[in-house]
Amino acid sequence: MRDPSPFLEAVPWPLLALLSYLASVTLGLISLRRRPGRAWHRRLFITTCAVTALAALLALPVRWGSGLLLVLALVPLAVLPYAGSAMRRPGRHAAIGLAAAPCYLAALALWIARP
């Protein structure tokens, strides 16, 4: 198998995953007030999950810490669609969604602090 580290180094995958997550959270907050934003939030949420999974997959062979943290970030994201809609239970939806934030931040910190 080819070493994925050049591709991992060329693209800041943990940073892209974090930015996608932050954009999804922001659009989710906006979509609470504006109905048309919900479809875009759903699409961005799916993109966030895909980018996070790709970042974890690429990080696992080289950087176990970042990879495992990104896998941990996927757990609350996977639970989120089954936890109830944001319109009916906004507190629960927000709490589960924000549970991934520390994992993203720690993965980014490990990626930046790589020796």
C-alpha atoms as a PDB file:
ATOM      1  CA  MET A   1       0.000   0.000   0.000  1.00  0.00           C
ATOM      2  CA  ARG A   2       1.222   3.460  -0.865  1.00  0.00           C
ATOM      3  CA  ASP A   3       2.159   5.792   1.962  1.00  0.00           C
ATOM      4  CA  PRO A   4      -0.662   8.382   2.321  1.00  0.00           C
ATOM      5  CA  SER A   5       1.505  10.862   4.228  1.00  0.00           C
ATOM      6  CA  PRO A   6       2.306  13.165   1.237  1.00  0.00           C
ATOM      7  CA  PHE A   7      -1.413  13.548   0.548  1.00  0.00           C
ATOM      8  CA  LEU A   8      -2.070  14.023   4.256  1.00  0.00           C
ATOM      9  CA  GLU A   9       0.589  16.716   4.482  1.00  0.00           C
ATOM     10  CA  ALA A  10      -0.532  18.513   1.318  1.00  0.00           C
ATOM     11  CA  VAL A  11      -4.124  19.000   2.489  1.00  0.00           C
ATOM     12  CA  PRO A  12      -4.934  20.078   6.070  1.00  0.00           C
ATOM     13  CA  TRP A  13      -7.715  17.503   6.532  1.00  0.00           C
ATOM     14  CA  PRO A  14      -8.377  18.081  10.254  1.00  0.00           C
ATOM     15  CA  LEU A  15      -8.664  21.815   9.569  1.00  0.00           C
ATOM     16  CA  LEU A  16     -11.062  21.212   6.674  1.00  0.00           C
ATOM     17  CA  ALA A  17     -13.155  18.907   8.863  1.00  0.00           C
ATOM     18  CA  LEU A  18     -13.295  21.535  11.620  1.00  0.00           C
ATOM     19  CA  LEU A  19     -14.238  24.310   9.183  1.00  0.00           C
ATOM     20  CA  SER A  20     -16.969  22.149   7.676  1.00  0.00           C
ATOM     21  CA  TYR A  21     -18.273  21.382  11.178  1.00  0.00           C
ATOM     22  CA  LEU A  22     -18.283  25.073  12.126  1.00  0.00           C
ATOM     23  CA  ALA A  23     -20.098  25.965   8.910  1.00  0.00           C
ATOM     24  CA  SER A  24     -22.692  23.279   9.624  1.00  0.00           C
ATOM     25  CA  VAL A  25     -23.235  24.560  13.165  1.00  0.00           C
ATOM     26  CA  THR A  26     -23.555  28.128  11.910  1.00  0.00           C
ATOM     27  CA  LEU A  27     -25.999  27.176   9.186  1.00  0.00           C
ATOM     28  CA  GLY A  28     -27.939  25.093  11.701  1.00  0.00           C
ATOM     29  CA  LEU A  29     -28.346  28.144  13.922  1.00  0.00           C
ATOM     30  CA  ILE A  30     -29.470  30.219  10.960  1.00  0.00           C
ATOM     31  CA  SER A  31     -31.924  27.533   9.833  1.00  0.00           C
ATOM     32  CA  LEU A  32     -33.730  27.712  13.175  1.00  0.00           C
ATOM     33  CA  ARG A  33     -35.053  31.093  12.048  1.00  0.00           C
ATOM     34  CA  ARG A  34     -35.259  30.603   8.293  1.00  0.00           C
ATOM     35  CA  ARG A  35     -36.931  27.536   6.825  1.00  0.00           C
ATOM     36  CA  PRO A  36     -35.035  27.446   3.480  1.00  0.00           C
ATOM     37  CA  GLY A  37     -31.748  27.030   5.347  1.00  0.00           C
ATOM     38  CA  ARG A  38     -32.672  23.550   6.598  1.00  0.00           C
ATOM     39  CA  ALA A  39     -32.038  21.811   3.293  1.00  0.00           C
ATOM     40  CA  TRP A  40     -28.640  23.456   3.007  1.00  0.00           C
ATOM     41  CA  HIS A  41     -27.859  22.565   6.624  1.00  0.00           C
ATOM     42  CA  ARG A  42     -28.698  18.924   5.880  1.00  0.00           C
ATOM     43  CA  ARG A  43     -26.412  18.911   2.841  1.00  0.00           C
ATOM     44  CA  LEU A  44     -23.588  20.564   4.742  1.00  0.00           C
ATOM     45  CA  PHE A  45     -24.060  18.102   7.615  1.00  0.00           C
ATOM     46  CA  ILE A  46     -23.606  15.192   5.201  1.00  0.00           C
ATOM     47  CA  THR A  47     -20.531  16.893   3.737  1.00  0.00           C
ATOM     48  CA  THR A  48     -19.142  17.401   7.255  1.00  0.00           C
ATOM     49  CA  CYS A  49     -19.572  13.720   8.041  1.00  0.00           C
ATOM     50  CA  ALA A  50     -17.864  12.736   4.785  1.00  0.00           C
ATOM     51  CA  VAL A  51     -14.932  15.131   5.240  1.00  0.00           C
ATOM     52  CA  THR A  52     -14.489  14.026   8.862  1.00  0.00           C
ATOM     53  CA  ALA A  53     -14.521  10.350   7.869  1.00  0.00           C
ATOM     54  CA  LEU A  54     -11.979  11.016   5.111  1.00  0.00           C
ATOM     55  CA  ALA A  55      -9.763  13.013   7.471  1.00  0.00           C
ATOM     56  CA  ALA A  56      -9.908  10.200  10.045  1.00  0.00           C
ATOM     57  CA  LEU A  57      -9.181   7.568   7.428  1.00  0.00           C
ATOM     58  CA  LEU A  58      -6.160   9.448   6.120  1.00  0.00           C
ATOM     59  CA  ALA A  59      -4.856  10.266   9.591  1.00  0.00           C
ATOM     60  CA  LEU A  60      -5.101   6.795  11.128  1.00  0.00           C
ATOM     61  CA  PRO A  61      -2.065   5.220   9.414  1.00  0.00           C
ATOM     62  CA  VAL A  62       0.217   8.162  10.202  1.00  0.00           C
ATOM     63  CA  ARG A  63      -1.258  10.092  13.137  1.00  0.00           C
ATOM     64  CA  TRP A  64      -3.232   7.822  15.405  1.00  0.00           C
ATOM     65  CA  GLY A  65      -4.178  10.535  17.883  1.00  0.00           C
ATOM     66  CA  SER A  66      -5.828  12.837  15.367  1.00  0.00           C
ATOM     67  CA  GLY A  67      -7.448   9.925  13.571  1.00  0.00           C
ATOM     68  CA  LEU A  68      -9.022   8.500  16.717  1.00  0.00           C
ATOM     69  CA  LEU A  69     -10.270  11.910  17.806  1.00  0.00           C
ATOM     70  CA  LEU A  70     -11.924  12.422  14.425  1.00  0.00           C
ATOM     71  CA  VAL A  71     -13.531   8.987  14.690  1.00  0.00           C
ATOM     72  CA  LEU A  72     -14.819  10.023  18.123  1.00  0.00           C
ATOM     73  CA  ALA A  73     -16.237  13.202  16.561  1.00  0.00           C
ATOM     74  CA  LEU A  74     -18.252  11.023  14.184  1.00  0.00           C
ATOM     75  CA  VAL A  75     -20.097   9.325  17.068  1.00  0.00           C
ATOM     76  CA  PRO A  76     -22.297  12.292  18.093  1.00  0.00           C
ATOM     77  CA  LEU A  77     -22.733  13.176  14.433  1.00  0.00           C
ATOM     78  CA  ALA A  78     -24.040   9.663  13.769  1.00  0.00           C
ATOM     79  CA  VAL A  79     -26.461   9.904  16.704  1.00  0.00           C
ATOM     80  CA  LEU A  80     -27.730  13.348  15.745  1.00  0.00           C
ATOM     81  CA  PRO A  81     -30.281  12.360  13.051  1.00  0.00           C
ATOM     82  CA  TYR A  82     -31.923   9.912  15.470  1.00  0.00           C
ATOM     83  CA  ALA A  83     -32.022  12.219  18.488  1.00  0.00           C
ATOM     84  CA  GLY A  84     -35.037  14.217  17.377  1.00  0.00           C
ATOM     85  CA  SER A  85     -35.412  17.234  15.170  1.00  0.00           C
ATOM     86  CA  ALA A  86     -33.958  20.584  16.098  1.00  0.00           C
ATOM     87  CA  MET A  87     -37.393  22.166  15.846  1.00  0.00           C
ATOM     88  CA  ARG A  88     -38.943  19.839  18.448  1.00  0.00           C
ATOM     89  CA  ARG A  89     -35.959  19.404  20.755  1.00  0.00           C
ATOM     90  CA  PRO A  90     -33.476  22.186  20.036  1.00  0.00           C
ATOM     91  CA  GLY A  91     -31.613  21.782  23.332  1.00  0.00           C
ATOM     92  CA  ARG A  92     -30.959  18.078  22.833  1.00  0.00           C
ATOM     93  CA  HIS A  93     -30.039  18.570  19.189  1.00  0.00           C
ATOM     94  CA  ALA A  94     -27.562  21.326  20.057  1.00  0.00           C
ATOM     95  CA  ALA A  95     -26.025  19.411  22.983  1.00  0.00           C
ATOM     96  CA  ILE A  96     -25.411  16.294  20.903  1.00  0.00           C
ATOM     97  CA  GLY A  97     -24.125  18.315  17.956  1.00  0.00           C
ATOM     98  CA  LEU A  98     -21.753  20.351  20.103  1.00  0.00           C
ATOM     99  CA  ALA A  99     -20.392  17.203  21.774  1.00  0.00           C
ATOM    100  CA  ALA A 100     -18.192  16.733  18.702  1.00  0.00           C
ATOM    101  CA  ALA A 101     -16.495  20.140  19.093  1.00  0.00           C
ATOM    102  CA  PRO A 102     -13.826  19.095  21.633  1.00  0.00           C
ATOM    103  CA  CYS A 103     -12.817  16.176  19.431  1.00  0.00           C
ATOM    104  CA  TYR A 104     -12.392  18.438  16.405  1.00  0.00           C
ATOM    105  CA  LEU A 105     -10.374  20.977  18.384  1.00  0.00           C
ATOM    106  CA  ALA A 106      -8.137  18.322  19.952  1.00  0.00           C
ATOM    107  CA  ALA A 107      -7.546  16.653  16.567  1.00  0.00           C
ATOM    108  CA  LEU A 108      -6.567  20.009  15.097  1.00  0.00           C
ATOM    109  CA  ALA A 109      -4.276  20.735  18.037  1.00  0.00           C
ATOM    110  CA  LEU A 110      -2.527  17.375  17.593  1.00  0.00           C
ATOM    111  CA  TRP A 111      -2.232  17.999  13.864  1.00  0.00           C
ATOM    112  CA  ILE A 112      -0.646  21.421  14.465  1.00  0.00           C
ATOM    113  CA  ALA A 113       1.679  20.184  17.230  1.00  0.00           C
ATOM    114  CA  ARG A 114       3.046  17.294  15.197  1.00  0.00           C
ATOM    115  CA  PRO A 115       6.797  16.984  15.829  1.00  0.00           C
END
